[in-house]
PDB file of all heavy atoms in Angstrom:
ATOM      1  N   GLY A   1     -17.571   1.505  26.976  1.00  0.00           N
ATOM      2  CA  GLY A   1     -17.110   2.364  25.889  1.00  0.00           C
ATOM      3  C   GLY A   1     -15.831   1.917  25.202  1.00  0.00           C
ATOM      4  O   GLY A   1     -15.406   2.466  24.226  1.00  0.00           O
ATOM      5  N   ASP A   2     -15.202   0.830  25.754  1.00  0.00           N
ATOM      6  CA  ASP A   2     -13.999   0.291  25.094  1.00  0.00           C
ATOM      7  C   ASP A   2     -14.388  -0.413  23.787  1.00  0.00           C
ATOM      8  O   ASP A   2     -15.518  -0.852  23.602  1.00  0.00           O
ATOM      9  CB  ASP A   2     -13.283  -0.669  26.030  1.00  0.00           C
ATOM     10  CG  ASP A   2     -12.623   0.036  27.200  1.00  0.00           C
ATOM     11  OD1 ASP A   2     -12.457   1.273  27.153  1.00  0.00           O
ATOM     12  OD2 ASP A   2     -12.313  -0.636  28.183  1.00  0.00           O
ATOM     13  N   LEU A   3     -13.385  -0.550  22.900  1.00  0.00           N
ATOM     14  CA  LEU A   3     -13.603  -1.217  21.637  1.00  0.00           C
ATOM     15  C   LEU A   3     -13.728  -2.740  21.837  1.00  0.00           C
ATOM     16  O   LEU A   3     -12.861  -3.339  22.475  1.00  0.00           O
ATOM     17  CB  LEU A   3     -12.474  -0.919  20.674  1.00  0.00           C
ATOM     18  CG  LEU A   3     -12.250   0.534  20.298  1.00  0.00           C
ATOM     19  CD1 LEU A   3     -10.984   0.678  19.447  1.00  0.00           C
ATOM     20  CD2 LEU A   3     -13.438   1.113  19.593  1.00  0.00           C
ATOM     21  N   LYS A   4     -14.798  -3.318  21.294  1.00  0.00           N
ATOM     22  CA  LYS A   4     -14.962  -4.761  21.351  1.00  0.00           C
ATOM     23  C   LYS A   4     -14.518  -5.414  20.066  1.00  0.00           C
ATOM     24  O   LYS A   4     -13.703  -6.319  20.064  1.00  0.00           O
ATOM     25  CB  LYS A   4     -16.424  -5.109  21.648  1.00  0.00           C
ATOM     26  CG  LYS A   4     -16.679  -6.588  21.800  1.00  0.00           C
ATOM     27  CD  LYS A   4     -18.114  -6.892  22.166  1.00  0.00           C
ATOM     28  CE  LYS A   4     -18.361  -8.395  22.357  1.00  0.00           C
ATOM     29  NZ  LYS A   4     -19.784  -8.672  22.742  1.00  0.00           N
ATOM     30  N   VAL A   5     -15.037  -4.936  18.930  1.00  0.00           N
ATOM     31  CA  VAL A   5     -14.644  -5.467  17.622  1.00  0.00           C
ATOM     32  C   VAL A   5     -14.854  -4.386  16.582  1.00  0.00           C
ATOM     33  O   VAL A   5     -15.797  -3.603  16.663  1.00  0.00           O
ATOM     34  CB  VAL A   5     -15.412  -6.746  17.254  1.00  0.00           C
ATOM     35  CG1 VAL A   5     -16.899  -6.464  17.144  1.00  0.00           C
ATOM     36  CG2 VAL A   5     -14.892  -7.318  15.944  1.00  0.00           C
ATOM     37  N   VAL A   6     -13.934  -4.283  15.601  1.00  0.00           N
ATOM     38  CA  VAL A   6     -14.021  -3.343  14.527  1.00  0.00           C
ATOM     39  C   VAL A   6     -14.215  -4.113  13.217  1.00  0.00           C
ATOM     40  O   VAL A   6     -13.385  -4.935  12.854  1.00  0.00           O
ATOM     41  CB  VAL A   6     -12.734  -2.490  14.455  1.00  0.00           C
ATOM     42  CG1 VAL A   6     -12.834  -1.502  13.283  1.00  0.00           C
ATOM     43  CG2 VAL A   6     -12.499  -1.744  15.766  1.00  0.00           C
ATOM     44  N   ASN A   7     -15.325  -3.834  12.542  1.00  0.00           N
ATOM     45  CA  ASN A   7     -15.652  -4.517  11.296  1.00  0.00           C
ATOM     46  C   ASN A   7     -15.424  -3.543  10.159  1.00  0.00           C
ATOM     47  O   ASN A   7     -16.119  -2.567  10.022  1.00  0.00           O
ATOM     48  CB  ASN A   7     -17.071  -5.013  11.332  1.00  0.00           C
ATOM     49  CG  ASN A   7     -17.365  -5.968  12.479  1.00  0.00           C
ATOM     50  OD1 ASN A   7     -16.681  -6.954  12.637  1.00  0.00           O
ATOM     51  ND2 ASN A   7     -18.369  -5.679  13.272  1.00  0.00           N
ATOM     52  N   SER A   8     -14.417  -3.869   9.298  1.00  0.00           N
ATOM     53  CA  SER A   8     -14.077  -2.985   8.197  1.00  0.00           C
ATOM     54  C   SER A   8     -14.327  -3.682   6.866  1.00  0.00           C
ATOM     55  O   SER A   8     -14.624  -4.882   6.825  1.00  0.00           O
ATOM     56  CB  SER A   8     -12.592  -2.574   8.307  1.00  0.00           C
ATOM     57  OG  SER A   8     -12.213  -1.686   7.273  1.00  0.00           O
ATOM     58  N   VAL A   9     -14.233  -2.893   5.816  1.00  0.00           N
ATOM     59  CA  VAL A   9     -14.347  -3.449   4.427  1.00  0.00           C
ATOM     60  C   VAL A   9     -13.218  -2.862   3.589  1.00  0.00           C
ATOM     61  O   VAL A   9     -12.600  -1.856   3.929  1.00  0.00           O
ATOM     62  CB  VAL A   9     -15.699  -3.110   3.812  1.00  0.00           C
ATOM     63  CG1 VAL A   9     -16.869  -3.685   4.559  1.00  0.00           C
ATOM     64  CG2 VAL A   9     -15.886  -1.590   3.710  1.00  0.00           C
ATOM     65  N   PHE A  10     -12.916  -3.525   2.481  1.00  0.00           N
ATOM     66  CA  PHE A  10     -11.998  -2.952   1.513  1.00  0.00           C
ATOM     67  C   PHE A  10     -12.651  -1.753   0.876  1.00  0.00           C
ATOM     68  O   PHE A  10     -13.827  -1.801   0.499  1.00  0.00           O
ATOM     69  CB  PHE A  10     -11.602  -3.994   0.463  1.00  0.00           C
ATOM     70  CG  PHE A  10     -10.780  -5.130   0.965  1.00  0.00           C
ATOM     71  CD1 PHE A  10     -11.269  -6.388   1.072  1.00  0.00           C
ATOM     72  CD2 PHE A  10      -9.452  -4.912   1.310  1.00  0.00           C
ATOM     73  CE1 PHE A  10     -10.516  -7.459   1.505  1.00  0.00           C
ATOM     74  CE2 PHE A  10      -8.675  -5.950   1.776  1.00  0.00           C
ATOM     75  CZ  PHE A  10      -9.187  -7.210   1.874  1.00  0.00           C
ATOM     76  N   PHE A  11     -11.863  -0.684   0.654  1.00  0.00           N
ATOM     77  CA  PHE A  11     -12.364   0.435  -0.099  1.00  0.00           C
ATOM     78  C   PHE A  11     -11.236   1.244  -0.711  1.00  0.00           C
ATOM     79  O   PHE A  11     -10.068   1.033  -0.358  1.00  0.00           O
ATOM     80  CB  PHE A  11     -13.318   1.311   0.721  1.00  0.00           C
ATOM     81  CG  PHE A  11     -12.800   1.762   2.055  1.00  0.00           C
ATOM     82  CD1 PHE A  11     -12.387   3.074   2.258  1.00  0.00           C
ATOM     83  CD2 PHE A  11     -12.694   0.865   3.128  1.00  0.00           C
ATOM     84  CE1 PHE A  11     -11.903   3.485   3.522  1.00  0.00           C
ATOM     85  CE2 PHE A  11     -12.233   1.279   4.373  1.00  0.00           C
ATOM     86  CZ  PHE A  11     -11.796   2.577   4.547  1.00  0.00           C
ATOM     87  N   ASN A  12     -11.576   2.119  -1.629  1.00  0.00           N
ATOM     88  CA  ASN A  12     -10.574   2.872  -2.382  1.00  0.00           C
ATOM     89  C   ASN A  12     -10.196   4.137  -1.642  1.00  0.00           C
ATOM     90  O   ASN A  12     -10.752   5.228  -1.839  1.00  0.00           O
ATOM     91  CB  ASN A  12     -11.127   3.299  -3.764  1.00  0.00           C
ATOM     92  CG  ASN A  12     -11.537   2.104  -4.649  1.00  0.00           C
ATOM     93  OD1 ASN A  12     -12.696   1.719  -4.657  1.00  0.00           O
ATOM     94  ND2 ASN A  12     -10.579   1.539  -5.339  1.00  0.00           N
ATOM     95  N   ILE A  13      -9.257   4.020  -0.720  1.00  0.00           N
ATOM     96  CA  ILE A  13      -8.838   5.214   0.014  1.00  0.00           C
ATOM     97  C   ILE A  13      -7.339   5.472  -0.087  1.00  0.00           C
ATOM     98  O   ILE A  13      -6.912   6.588   0.205  1.00  0.00           O
ATOM     99  CB  ILE A  13      -9.197   5.057   1.505  1.00  0.00           C
ATOM    100  CG1 ILE A  13      -8.460   3.849   2.139  1.00  0.00           C
ATOM    101  CG2 ILE A  13     -10.686   4.945   1.720  1.00  0.00           C
ATOM    102  CD1 ILE A  13      -8.538   3.821   3.646  1.00  0.00           C
ATOM    103  N   GLY A  14      -6.573   4.514  -0.485  1.00  0.00           N
ATOM    104  CA  GLY A  14      -5.107   4.656  -0.443  1.00  0.00           C
ATOM    105  C   GLY A  14      -4.516   5.400  -1.621  1.00  0.00           C
ATOM    106  O   GLY A  14      -5.156   5.582  -2.660  1.00  0.00           O
ATOM    107  N   GLU A  15      -3.318   5.855  -1.473  1.00  0.00           N
ATOM    108  CA  GLU A  15      -2.543   6.468  -2.538  1.00  0.00           C
ATOM    109  C   GLU A  15      -1.094   6.101  -2.378  1.00  0.00           C
ATOM    110  O   GLU A  15      -0.556   6.107  -1.249  1.00  0.00           O
ATOM    111  CB  GLU A  15      -2.707   7.990  -2.553  1.00  0.00           C
ATOM    112  CG  GLU A  15      -1.995   8.650  -3.716  1.00  0.00           C
ATOM    113  CD  GLU A  15      -2.318  10.132  -3.807  1.00  0.00           C
ATOM    114  OE1 GLU A  15      -3.118  10.644  -2.977  1.00  0.00           O
ATOM    115  OE2 GLU A  15      -1.747  10.798  -4.717  1.00  0.00           O
ATOM    116  N   THR A  16      -0.406   5.781  -3.440  1.00  0.00           N
ATOM    117  CA  THR A  16       0.950   5.336  -3.440  1.00  0.00           C
ATOM    118  C   THR A  16       1.736   6.098  -4.471  1.00  0.00           C
ATOM    119  O   THR A  16       1.325   6.246  -5.600  1.00  0.00           O
ATOM    120  CB  THR A  16       1.078   3.823  -3.716  1.00  0.00           C
ATOM    121  OG1 THR A  16       0.235   3.102  -2.801  1.00  0.00           O
ATOM    122  CG2 THR A  16       2.501   3.343  -3.554  1.00  0.00           C
ATOM    123  N   LYS A  17       2.931   6.580  -4.077  1.00  0.00           N
ATOM    124  CA  LYS A  17       3.843   7.254  -4.993  1.00  0.00           C
ATOM    125  C   LYS A  17       5.197   6.610  -4.898  1.00  0.00           C
ATOM    126  O   LYS A  17       5.832   6.587  -3.835  1.00  0.00           O
ATOM    127  CB  LYS A  17       3.957   8.742  -4.641  1.00  0.00           C
ATOM    128  CG  LYS A  17       2.687   9.528  -4.767  1.00  0.00           C
ATOM    129  CD  LYS A  17       2.897  11.007  -4.403  1.00  0.00           C
ATOM    130  CE  LYS A  17       1.622  11.809  -4.553  1.00  0.00           C
ATOM    131  NZ  LYS A  17       1.837  13.256  -4.220  1.00  0.00           N
ATOM    132  N   VAL A  18       5.641   6.001  -5.983  1.00  0.00           N
ATOM    133  CA  VAL A  18       6.917   5.278  -6.004  1.00  0.00           C
ATOM    134  C   VAL A  18       7.763   5.732  -7.184  1.00  0.00           C
ATOM    135  O   VAL A  18       7.237   5.971  -8.280  1.00  0.00           O
ATOM    136  CB  VAL A  18       6.647   3.730  -6.119  1.00  0.00           C
ATOM    137  CG1 VAL A  18       7.961   2.967  -5.964  1.00  0.00           C
ATOM    138  CG2 VAL A  18       5.621   3.270  -5.143  1.00  0.00           C
ATOM    139  N   ALA A  19       9.029   5.881  -6.950  1.00  0.00           N
ATOM    140  CA  ALA A  19       9.971   6.238  -8.005  1.00  0.00           C
ATOM    141  C   ALA A  19      11.288   5.515  -7.770  1.00  0.00           C
ATOM    142  O   ALA A  19      11.619   5.161  -6.626  1.00  0.00           O
ATOM    143  CB  ALA A  19      10.227   7.782  -8.043  1.00  0.00           C
ATOM    144  N   GLY A  20      12.025   5.292  -8.863  1.00  0.00           N
ATOM    145  CA  GLY A  20      13.259   4.609  -8.725  1.00  0.00           C
ATOM    146  C   GLY A  20      14.059   4.496 -10.006  1.00  0.00           C
ATOM    147  O   GLY A  20      13.693   5.086 -11.021  1.00  0.00           O
ATOM    148  N   LEU A  21      15.107   3.730  -9.945  1.00  0.00           N
ATOM    149  CA  LEU A  21      16.010   3.542 -11.098  1.00  0.00           C
ATOM    150  C   LEU A  21      16.163   2.029 -11.332  1.00  0.00           C
ATOM    151  O   LEU A  21      16.319   1.275 -10.399  1.00  0.00           O
ATOM    152  CB  LEU A  21      17.365   4.180 -10.844  1.00  0.00           C
ATOM    153  CG  LEU A  21      17.396   5.717 -10.779  1.00  0.00           C
ATOM    154  CD1 LEU A  21      18.619   6.181 -10.059  1.00  0.00           C
ATOM    155  CD2 LEU A  21      17.301   6.313 -12.192  1.00  0.00           C
ATOM    156  N   ASP A  22      16.174   1.653 -12.608  1.00  0.00           N
ATOM    157  CA  ASP A  22      16.509   0.290 -13.020  1.00  0.00           C
ATOM    158  C   ASP A  22      17.838   0.308 -13.770  1.00  0.00           C
ATOM    159  O   ASP A  22      18.051   1.143 -14.639  1.00  0.00           O
ATOM    160  CB  ASP A  22      15.438  -0.282 -13.933  1.00  0.00           C
ATOM    161  CG  ASP A  22      14.162  -0.606 -13.191  1.00  0.00           C
ATOM    162  OD1 ASP A  22      14.199  -0.742 -11.956  1.00  0.00           O
ATOM    163  OD2 ASP A  22      13.109  -0.740 -13.843  1.00  0.00           O
ATOM    164  N   TYR A  23      18.731  -0.623 -13.399  1.00  0.00           N
ATOM    165  CA  TYR A  23      20.028  -0.752 -14.051  1.00  0.00           C
ATOM    166  C   TYR A  23      20.132  -2.153 -14.645  1.00  0.00           C
ATOM    167  O   TYR A  23      19.766  -3.120 -14.013  1.00  0.00           O
ATOM    168  CB  TYR A  23      21.181  -0.548 -13.040  1.00  0.00           C
ATOM    169  CG  TYR A  23      21.087   0.726 -12.217  1.00  0.00           C
ATOM    170  CD1 TYR A  23      20.482   0.672 -10.948  1.00  0.00           C
ATOM    171  CD2 TYR A  23      21.606   1.915 -12.655  1.00  0.00           C
ATOM    172  CE1 TYR A  23      20.428   1.811 -10.177  1.00  0.00           C
ATOM    173  CE2 TYR A  23      21.537   3.055 -11.912  1.00  0.00           C
ATOM    174  CZ  TYR A  23      20.943   3.010 -10.655  1.00  0.00           C
ATOM    175  OH  TYR A  23      20.882   4.144  -9.881  1.00  0.00           O
ATOM    176  N   SER A  24      20.642  -2.251 -15.837  1.00  0.00           N
ATOM    177  CA  SER A  24      20.815  -3.532 -16.487  1.00  0.00           C
ATOM    178  C   SER A  24      22.153  -3.594 -17.199  1.00  0.00           C
ATOM    179  O   SER A  24      22.554  -2.596 -17.848  1.00  0.00           O
ATOM    180  CB  SER A  24      19.642  -3.843 -17.473  1.00  0.00           C
ATOM    181  OG  SER A  24      19.660  -2.916 -18.521  1.00  0.00           O
ATOM    182  N   ILE A  25      22.825  -4.726 -17.099  1.00  0.00           N
ATOM    183  CA  ILE A  25      24.064  -4.938 -17.823  1.00  0.00           C
ATOM    184  C   ILE A  25      23.977  -6.333 -18.433  1.00  0.00           C
ATOM    185  O   ILE A  25      23.648  -7.308 -17.744  1.00  0.00           O
ATOM    186  CB  ILE A  25      25.286  -4.858 -16.890  1.00  0.00           C
ATOM    187  CG1 ILE A  25      25.379  -3.478 -16.232  1.00  0.00           C
ATOM    188  CG2 ILE A  25      26.565  -5.155 -17.662  1.00  0.00           C
ATOM    189  CD1 ILE A  25      26.534  -3.370 -15.231  1.00  0.00           C
ATOM    190  N   ASN A  26      24.254  -6.435 -19.703  1.00  0.00           N
ATOM    191  CA  ASN A  26      24.197  -7.709 -20.444  1.00  0.00           C
ATOM    192  C   ASN A  26      25.453  -7.855 -21.294  1.00  0.00           C
ATOM    193  O   ASN A  26      25.860  -6.888 -21.952  1.00  0.00           O
ATOM    194  CB  ASN A  26      22.955  -7.772 -21.298  1.00  0.00           C
ATOM    195  CG  ASN A  26      22.838  -9.083 -22.026  1.00  0.00           C
ATOM    196  OD1 ASN A  26      23.341  -9.250 -23.126  1.00  0.00           O
ATOM    197  ND2 ASN A  26      22.156 -10.065 -21.408  1.00  0.00           N
ATOM    198  N   TYR A  27      26.076  -8.997 -21.231  1.00  0.00           N
ATOM    199  CA  TYR A  27      27.273  -9.226 -22.016  1.00  0.00           C
ATOM    200  C   TYR A  27      27.178 -10.582 -22.734  1.00  0.00           C
ATOM    201  O   TYR A  27      26.893 -11.573 -22.111  1.00  0.00           O
ATOM    202  CB  TYR A  27      28.539  -9.220 -21.162  1.00  0.00           C
ATOM    203  CG  TYR A  27      29.835  -9.410 -21.934  1.00  0.00           C
ATOM    204  CD1 TYR A  27      30.308  -8.448 -22.794  1.00  0.00           C
ATOM    205  CD2 TYR A  27      30.513 -10.616 -21.827  1.00  0.00           C
ATOM    206  CE1 TYR A  27      31.470  -8.650 -23.525  1.00  0.00           C
ATOM    207  CE2 TYR A  27      31.693 -10.850 -22.536  1.00  0.00           C
ATOM    208  CZ  TYR A  27      32.161  -9.846 -23.395  1.00  0.00           C
ATOM    209  OH  TYR A  27      33.319 -10.041 -24.141  1.00  0.00           O
TER     210      TYR A  27
END
């Protein structure tokens, strides 16, 4: 009953939430 091998595939399950600030200075 132990795991021998796990065969997976790519699929659309993930979700990502990203936020931030960009700073720029030019002289």
